[in-house]
Amino acid sequence: MIRSRFPLPLVALAAATLVTMALPVRAQTPVAKLLPAQSEIGFVSKQMGVPVQGQFKKFDAQVAFDPKKPETGKIAFAIDTGSATIGDRDTDAEMKKGDWFDTAKFPQATFQSSAIKSLGGGKFEVAGKLAIKGSSRDVLVPVTLTQAGGTSTATGAFAIKRLEFKIGAGDWGDTSMVADEVQVKFKLALTGVGAL
């Protein structure tokens, strides 16, 4: 029996390194950086037929995106549901409770893309999963990308049904008081996105 002079883990590491070196080099999708001060995520709901606007003050986004190769991109959001505000202290406190966002149990809402498609002219369609309060749904998000200087701005809006996510449960389930449909709007300012 021939004994190797090199320890087995070292031989395995050397073999893995050779295999890796033999693989073709793949260009990585550029990773963008969110500019929070220039970004916003808001929502519009109707209470007794009157539009009420709100926003989330705290959120983060992880974006790896090349406009010339959108199919290789990945987009993820994490939104602090406890940061929801409509500018009224009592209502803001109510939104943190169990019937609404239940922020003690579900502190974050998340979105994770599954596919990105170019529609041309700086417009894209992002498919993915939106998860709020323990429920997740497939959503299709239209996005328009504009660029000025080194900053790319992604804007868009889409509708969700709040009751599908158990937002506004109990007595608040009455859609004549608070409409089921909620518009979600966003503007994300980013650096590090490739040119359109």
C-alpha atoms as a PDB file:
ATOM      1  CA  MET A   1       0.000   0.000   0.000  1.00  0.00           C
ATOM      2  CA  ILE A   2       1.355   3.415  -0.991  1.00  0.00           C
ATOM      3  CA  ARG A   3       1.004   5.997   1.691  1.00  0.00           C
ATOM      4  CA  SER A   4       0.501   9.661   0.770  1.00  0.00           C
ATOM      5  CA  ARG A   5       2.925  12.087   2.355  1.00  0.00           C
ATOM      6  CA  PHE A   6       0.130  14.699   2.499  1.00  0.00           C
ATOM      7  CA  PRO A   7      -2.759  14.648   4.969  1.00  0.00           C
ATOM      8  CA  LEU A   8      -6.092  13.713   3.350  1.00  0.00           C
ATOM      9  CA  PRO A   9      -7.790  17.114   4.030  1.00  0.00           C
ATOM     10  CA  LEU A  10      -4.908  18.870   2.245  1.00  0.00           C
ATOM     11  CA  VAL A  11      -5.231  16.549  -0.774  1.00  0.00           C
ATOM     12  CA  ALA A  12      -9.003  17.182  -0.888  1.00  0.00           C
ATOM     13  CA  LEU A  13      -8.452  20.948  -0.702  1.00  0.00           C
ATOM     14  CA  ALA A  14      -5.896  20.835  -3.518  1.00  0.00           C
ATOM     15  CA  ALA A  15      -8.283  18.780  -5.696  1.00  0.00           C
ATOM     16  CA  ALA A  16     -11.167  21.202  -5.029  1.00  0.00           C
ATOM     17  CA  THR A  17      -8.925  24.155  -5.914  1.00  0.00           C
ATOM     18  CA  LEU A  18      -7.900  22.543  -9.239  1.00  0.00           C
ATOM     19  CA  VAL A  19     -11.539  21.797 -10.135  1.00  0.00           C
ATOM     20  CA  THR A  20     -12.533  25.378  -9.278  1.00  0.00           C
ATOM     21  CA  MET A  21      -9.708  26.792 -11.389  1.00  0.00           C
ATOM     22  CA  ALA A  22     -10.835  24.669 -14.327  1.00  0.00           C
ATOM     23  CA  LEU A  23     -14.408  26.061 -14.230  1.00  0.00           C
ATOM     24  CA  PRO A  24     -15.263  28.968 -16.543  1.00  0.00           C
ATOM     25  CA  VAL A  25     -15.290  32.371 -14.841  1.00  0.00           C
ATOM     26  CA  ARG A  26     -18.792  33.827 -14.463  1.00  0.00           C
ATOM     27  CA  ALA A  27     -19.320  37.569 -14.355  1.00  0.00           C
ATOM     28  CA  GLN A  28     -21.082  38.509 -11.142  1.00  0.00           C
ATOM     29  CA  THR A  29     -24.201  40.664 -11.124  1.00  0.00           C
ATOM     30  CA  PRO A  30     -23.310  44.050  -9.601  1.00  0.00           C
ATOM     31  CA  VAL A  31     -24.513  44.548  -6.030  1.00  0.00           C
ATOM     32  CA  ALA A  32     -26.226  47.896  -5.486  1.00  0.00           C
ATOM     33  CA  LYS A  33     -26.293  50.002  -2.338  1.00  0.00           C
ATOM     34  CA  LEU A  34     -29.538  51.518  -1.043  1.00  0.00           C
ATOM     35  CA  LEU A  35     -29.583  55.251  -0.268  1.00  0.00           C
ATOM     36  CA  PRO A  36     -32.156  55.288   2.592  1.00  0.00           C
ATOM     37  CA  ALA A  37     -32.443  59.088   2.867  1.00  0.00           C
ATOM     38  CA  GLN A  38     -33.586  59.287  -0.777  1.00  0.00           C
ATOM     39  CA  SER A  39     -35.822  56.197  -0.668  1.00  0.00           C
ATOM     40  CA  GLU A  40     -39.349  55.558   0.572  1.00  0.00           C
ATOM     41  CA  ILE A  41     -41.942  52.804   0.877  1.00  0.00           C
ATOM     42  CA  GLY A  42     -45.512  53.953   1.366  1.00  0.00           C
ATOM     43  CA  PHE A  43     -49.060  52.671   1.275  1.00  0.00           C
ATOM     44  CA  VAL A  44     -52.516  54.064   0.524  1.00  0.00           C
ATOM     45  CA  SER A  45     -55.646  52.567   2.073  1.00  0.00           C
ATOM     46  CA  LYS A  46     -59.226  53.806   2.007  1.00  0.00           C
ATOM     47  CA  GLN A  47     -61.090  54.398   5.255  1.00  0.00           C
ATOM     48  CA  MET A  48     -64.810  54.942   4.660  1.00  0.00           C
ATOM     49  CA  GLY A  49     -63.952  55.771   1.045  1.00  0.00           C
ATOM     50  CA  VAL A  50     -61.311  58.382   1.931  1.00  0.00           C
ATOM     51  CA  PRO A  51     -57.687  57.668   0.860  1.00  0.00           C
ATOM     52  CA  VAL A  52     -55.256  57.581   3.794  1.00  0.00           C
ATOM     53  CA  GLN A  53     -51.536  57.681   3.069  1.00  0.00           C
ATOM     54  CA  GLY A  54     -48.879  56.111   5.234  1.00  0.00           C
ATOM     55  CA  GLN A  55     -45.277  55.037   5.086  1.00  0.00           C
ATOM     56  CA  PHE A  56     -42.713  52.718   6.607  1.00  0.00           C
ATOM     57  CA  LYS A  57     -39.841  54.654   8.138  1.00  0.00           C
ATOM     58  CA  LYS A  58     -37.433  51.700   8.402  1.00  0.00           C
ATOM     59  CA  PHE A  59     -36.610  49.227   5.656  1.00  0.00           C
ATOM     60  CA  ASP A  60     -33.673  47.686   3.876  1.00  0.00           C
ATOM     61  CA  ALA A  61     -33.149  46.303   0.397  1.00  0.00           C
ATOM     62  CA  GLN A  62     -30.587  43.943  -1.064  1.00  0.00           C
ATOM     63  CA  VAL A  63     -30.323  44.460  -4.796  1.00  0.00           C
ATOM     64  CA  ALA A  64     -28.051  42.664  -7.265  1.00  0.00           C
ATOM     65  CA  PHE A  65     -29.124  43.898 -10.673  1.00  0.00           C
ATOM     66  CA  ASP A  66     -27.735  44.505 -14.145  1.00  0.00           C
ATOM     67  CA  PRO A  67     -30.334  46.201 -16.402  1.00  0.00           C
ATOM     68  CA  LYS A  68     -28.731  44.532 -19.430  1.00  0.00           C
ATOM     69  CA  LYS A  69     -29.140  41.063 -17.832  1.00  0.00           C
ATOM     70  CA  PRO A  70     -32.227  41.403 -15.605  1.00  0.00           C
ATOM     71  CA  GLU A  71     -32.804  37.636 -15.475  1.00  0.00           C
ATOM     72  CA  THR A  72     -29.626  37.262 -13.370  1.00  0.00           C
ATOM     73  CA  GLY A  73     -30.812  39.779 -10.783  1.00  0.00           C
ATOM     74  CA  LYS A  74     -32.066  39.276  -7.228  1.00  0.00           C
ATOM     75  CA  ILE A  75     -34.077  41.751  -5.168  1.00  0.00           C
ATOM     76  CA  ALA A  76     -35.001  41.392  -1.504  1.00  0.00           C
ATOM     77  CA  PHE A  77     -36.752  43.732   0.932  1.00  0.00           C
ATOM     78  CA  ALA A  78     -37.077  43.669   4.699  1.00  0.00           C
ATOM     79  CA  ILE A  79     -39.560  46.181   6.131  1.00  0.00           C
ATOM     80  CA  ASP A  80     -39.846  47.009   9.830  1.00  0.00           C
ATOM     81  CA  THR A  81     -43.628  46.795  10.311  1.00  0.00           C
ATOM     82  CA  GLY A  82     -43.366  48.664  13.630  1.00  0.00           C
ATOM     83  CA  SER A  83     -42.207  51.732  11.691  1.00  0.00           C
ATOM     84  CA  ALA A  84     -45.584  52.103   9.892  1.00  0.00           C
ATOM     85  CA  THR A  85     -47.051  55.563  10.329  1.00  0.00           C
ATOM     86  CA  ILE A  86     -49.915  57.653   8.969  1.00  0.00           C
ATOM     87  CA  GLY A  87     -48.928  60.629  11.129  1.00  0.00           C
ATOM     88  CA  ASP A  88     -51.480  60.009  13.892  1.00  0.00           C
ATOM     89  CA  ARG A  89     -50.042  58.737  17.198  1.00  0.00           C
ATOM     90  CA  ASP A  90     -53.118  56.725  18.252  1.00  0.00           C
ATOM     91  CA  THR A  91     -53.518  55.038  14.866  1.00  0.00           C
ATOM     92  CA  ASP A  92     -49.789  54.347  14.630  1.00  0.00           C
ATOM     93  CA  ALA A  93     -49.932  52.615  18.039  1.00  0.00           C
ATOM     94  CA  GLU A  94     -53.012  50.624  16.932  1.00  0.00           C
ATOM     95  CA  MET A  95     -51.210  49.361  13.804  1.00  0.00           C
ATOM     96  CA  LYS A  96     -48.611  47.622  15.995  1.00  0.00           C
ATOM     97  CA  LYS A  97     -51.300  45.533  17.767  1.00  0.00           C
ATOM     98  CA  GLY A  98     -52.394  41.946  17.060  1.00  0.00           C
ATOM     99  CA  ASP A  99     -55.330  42.791  14.807  1.00  0.00           C
ATOM    100  CA  TRP A 100     -53.066  44.748  12.489  1.00  0.00           C
ATOM    101  CA  PHE A 101     -49.334  44.068  11.992  1.00  0.00           C
ATOM    102  CA  ASP A 102     -48.790  42.277  15.346  1.00  0.00           C
ATOM    103  CA  THR A 103     -45.253  43.643  15.399  1.00  0.00           C
ATOM    104  CA  ALA A 104     -44.265  41.816  18.602  1.00  0.00           C
ATOM    105  CA  LYS A 105     -44.741  38.483  16.812  1.00  0.00           C
ATOM    106  CA  PHE A 106     -44.061  39.551  13.207  1.00  0.00           C
ATOM    107  CA  PRO A 107     -41.550  42.430  13.283  1.00  0.00           C
ATOM    108  CA  GLN A 108     -40.772  42.282   9.556  1.00  0.00           C
ATOM    109  CA  ALA A 109     -42.498  42.023   6.218  1.00  0.00           C
ATOM    110  CA  THR A 110     -40.307  40.634   3.427  1.00  0.00           C
ATOM    111  CA  PHE A 111     -40.186  40.399  -0.343  1.00  0.00           C
ATOM    112  CA  GLN A 112     -37.941  38.038  -2.302  1.00  0.00           C
ATOM    113  CA  SER A 113     -37.792  38.102  -6.092  1.00  0.00           C
ATOM    114  CA  SER A 114     -38.024  34.890  -8.122  1.00  0.00           C
ATOM    115  CA  ALA A 115     -37.805  36.331 -11.661  1.00  0.00           C
ATOM    116  CA  ILE A 116     -37.057  39.688 -13.304  1.00  0.00           C
ATOM    117  CA  LYS A 117     -38.076  40.463 -16.878  1.00  0.00           C
ATOM    118  CA  SER A 118     -37.293  43.495 -19.038  1.00  0.00           C
ATOM    119  CA  LEU A 119     -40.249  45.184 -20.736  1.00  0.00           C
ATOM    120  CA  GLY A 120     -37.999  47.682 -22.552  1.00  0.00           C
ATOM    121  CA  GLY A 121     -37.490  51.415 -22.061  1.00  0.00           C
ATOM    122  CA  GLY A 122     -36.282  51.117 -18.453  1.00  0.00           C
ATOM    123  CA  LYS A 123     -39.381  49.163 -17.406  1.00  0.00           C
ATOM    124  CA  PHE A 124     -39.195  45.787 -15.689  1.00  0.00           C
ATOM    125  CA  GLU A 125     -41.530  43.208 -14.200  1.00  0.00           C
ATOM    126  CA  VAL A 126     -40.441  41.609 -10.931  1.00  0.00           C
ATOM    127  CA  ALA A 127     -42.149  38.428  -9.748  1.00  0.00           C
ATOM    128  CA  GLY A 128     -41.677  37.277  -6.180  1.00  0.00           C
ATOM    129  CA  LYS A 129     -43.071  36.339  -2.779  1.00  0.00           C
ATOM    130  CA  LEU A 130     -44.401  38.923  -0.345  1.00  0.00           C
ATOM    131  CA  ALA A 131     -44.615  37.735   3.269  1.00  0.00           C
ATOM    132  CA  ILE A 132     -46.527  39.694   5.925  1.00  0.00           C
ATOM    133  CA  LYS A 133     -47.705  38.501   9.332  1.00  0.00           C
ATOM    134  CA  GLY A 134     -46.958  34.836   8.645  1.00  0.00           C
ATOM    135  CA  SER A 135     -48.752  34.722   5.273  1.00  0.00           C
ATOM    136  CA  SER A 136     -47.052  34.837   1.885  1.00  0.00           C
ATOM    137  CA  ARG A 137     -48.426  35.528  -1.580  1.00  0.00           C
ATOM    138  CA  ASP A 138     -47.014  35.675  -5.100  1.00  0.00           C
ATOM    139  CA  VAL A 139     -46.939  39.241  -6.412  1.00  0.00           C
ATOM    140  CA  LEU A 140     -46.012  40.856  -9.708  1.00  0.00           C
ATOM    141  CA  VAL A 141     -44.360  44.247  -9.294  1.00  0.00           C
ATOM    142  CA  PRO A 142     -43.927  46.725 -12.173  1.00  0.00           C
ATOM    143  CA  VAL A 143     -40.707  48.743 -11.810  1.00  0.00           C
ATOM    144  CA  THR A 144     -39.490  51.778 -13.722  1.00  0.00           C
ATOM    145  CA  LEU A 145     -35.751  52.502 -13.538  1.00  0.00           C
ATOM    146  CA  THR A 146     -34.305  55.945 -14.215  1.00  0.00           C
ATOM    147  CA  GLN A 147     -30.690  57.054 -13.897  1.00  0.00           C
ATOM    148  CA  ALA A 148     -29.041  60.387 -13.192  1.00  0.00           C
ATOM    149  CA  GLY A 149     -25.357  60.682 -12.444  1.00  0.00           C
ATOM    150  CA  GLY A 150     -24.361  57.683 -10.344  1.00  0.00           C
ATOM    151  CA  THR A 151     -27.830  57.195  -8.864  1.00  0.00           C
ATOM    152  CA  SER A 152     -30.469  54.790 -10.162  1.00  0.00           C
ATOM    153  CA  THR A 153     -34.046  55.277  -8.963  1.00  0.00           C
ATOM    154  CA  ALA A 154     -36.508  52.389  -9.043  1.00  0.00           C
ATOM    155  CA  THR A 155     -40.181  53.344  -8.685  1.00  0.00           C
ATOM    156  CA  GLY A 156     -43.386  51.366  -8.786  1.00  0.00           C
ATOM    157  CA  ALA A 157     -46.718  50.504  -7.206  1.00  0.00           C
ATOM    158  CA  PHE A 158     -48.809  47.379  -6.777  1.00  0.00           C
ATOM    159  CA  ALA A 159     -51.980  46.369  -4.947  1.00  0.00           C
ATOM    160  CA  ILE A 160     -52.453  43.792  -2.208  1.00  0.00           C
ATOM    161  CA  LYS A 161     -55.530  42.531  -0.350  1.00  0.00           C
ATOM    162  CA  ARG A 162     -54.904  43.237   3.338  1.00  0.00           C
ATOM    163  CA  LEU A 163     -57.218  40.447   4.545  1.00  0.00           C
ATOM    164  CA  GLU A 164     -55.106  37.842   2.702  1.00  0.00           C
ATOM    165  CA  PHE A 165     -52.341  38.812   5.142  1.00  0.00           C
ATOM    166  CA  LYS A 166     -54.682  39.064   8.181  1.00  0.00           C
ATOM    167  CA  ILE A 167     -54.033  42.813   8.420  1.00  0.00           C
ATOM    168  CA  GLY A 168     -57.008  44.405  10.125  1.00  0.00           C
ATOM    169  CA  ALA A 169     -58.543  41.306  11.686  1.00  0.00           C
ATOM    170  CA  GLY A 170     -61.477  41.108  14.097  1.00  0.00           C
ATOM    171  CA  ASP A 171     -63.846  44.090  13.886  1.00  0.00           C
ATOM    172  CA  TRP A 172     -61.500  45.667  11.321  1.00  0.00           C
ATOM    173  CA  GLY A 173     -62.348  42.924   8.821  1.00  0.00           C
ATOM    174  CA  ASP A 174     -65.356  45.022   7.769  1.00  0.00           C
ATOM    175  CA  THR A 175     -64.310  46.315   4.335  1.00  0.00           C
ATOM    176  CA  SER A 176     -66.976  49.038   4.363  1.00  0.00           C
ATOM    177  CA  MET A 177     -64.890  50.715   7.085  1.00  0.00           C
ATOM    178  CA  VAL A 178     -61.403  49.967   5.766  1.00  0.00           C
ATOM    179  CA  ALA A 179     -61.094  48.797   2.150  1.00  0.00           C
ATOM    180  CA  ASP A 180     -59.503  45.412   1.499  1.00  0.00           C
ATOM    181  CA  GLU A 181     -57.269  46.725  -1.283  1.00  0.00           C
ATOM    182  CA  VAL A 182     -54.122  48.596  -0.294  1.00  0.00           C
ATOM    183  CA  GLN A 183     -51.765  50.249  -2.760  1.00  0.00           C
ATOM    184  CA  VAL A 184     -48.072  49.818  -1.986  1.00  0.00           C
ATOM    185  CA  LYS A 185     -45.778  52.464  -3.504  1.00  0.00           C
ATOM    186  CA  PHE A 186     -42.009  52.634  -3.469  1.00  0.00           C
ATOM    187  CA  LYS A 187     -39.070  54.732  -4.584  1.00  0.00           C
ATOM    188  CA  LEU A 188     -35.625  53.216  -4.112  1.00  0.00           C
ATOM    189  CA  ALA A 189     -32.495  55.263  -4.756  1.00  0.00           C
ATOM    190  CA  LEU A 190     -29.492  53.039  -5.446  1.00  0.00           C
ATOM    191  CA  THR A 191     -25.836  53.287  -6.343  1.00  0.00           C
ATOM    192  CA  GLY A 192     -23.870  50.564  -8.093  1.00  0.00           C
ATOM    193  CA  VAL A 193     -26.508  49.570 -10.670  1.00  0.00           C
ATOM    194  CA  GLY A 194     -25.194  49.022 -14.201  1.00  0.00           C
ATOM    195  CA  ALA A 195     -26.135  51.442 -16.966  1.00  0.00           C
ATOM    196  CA  LEU A 196     -29.472  51.040 -18.757  1.00  0.00           C
END
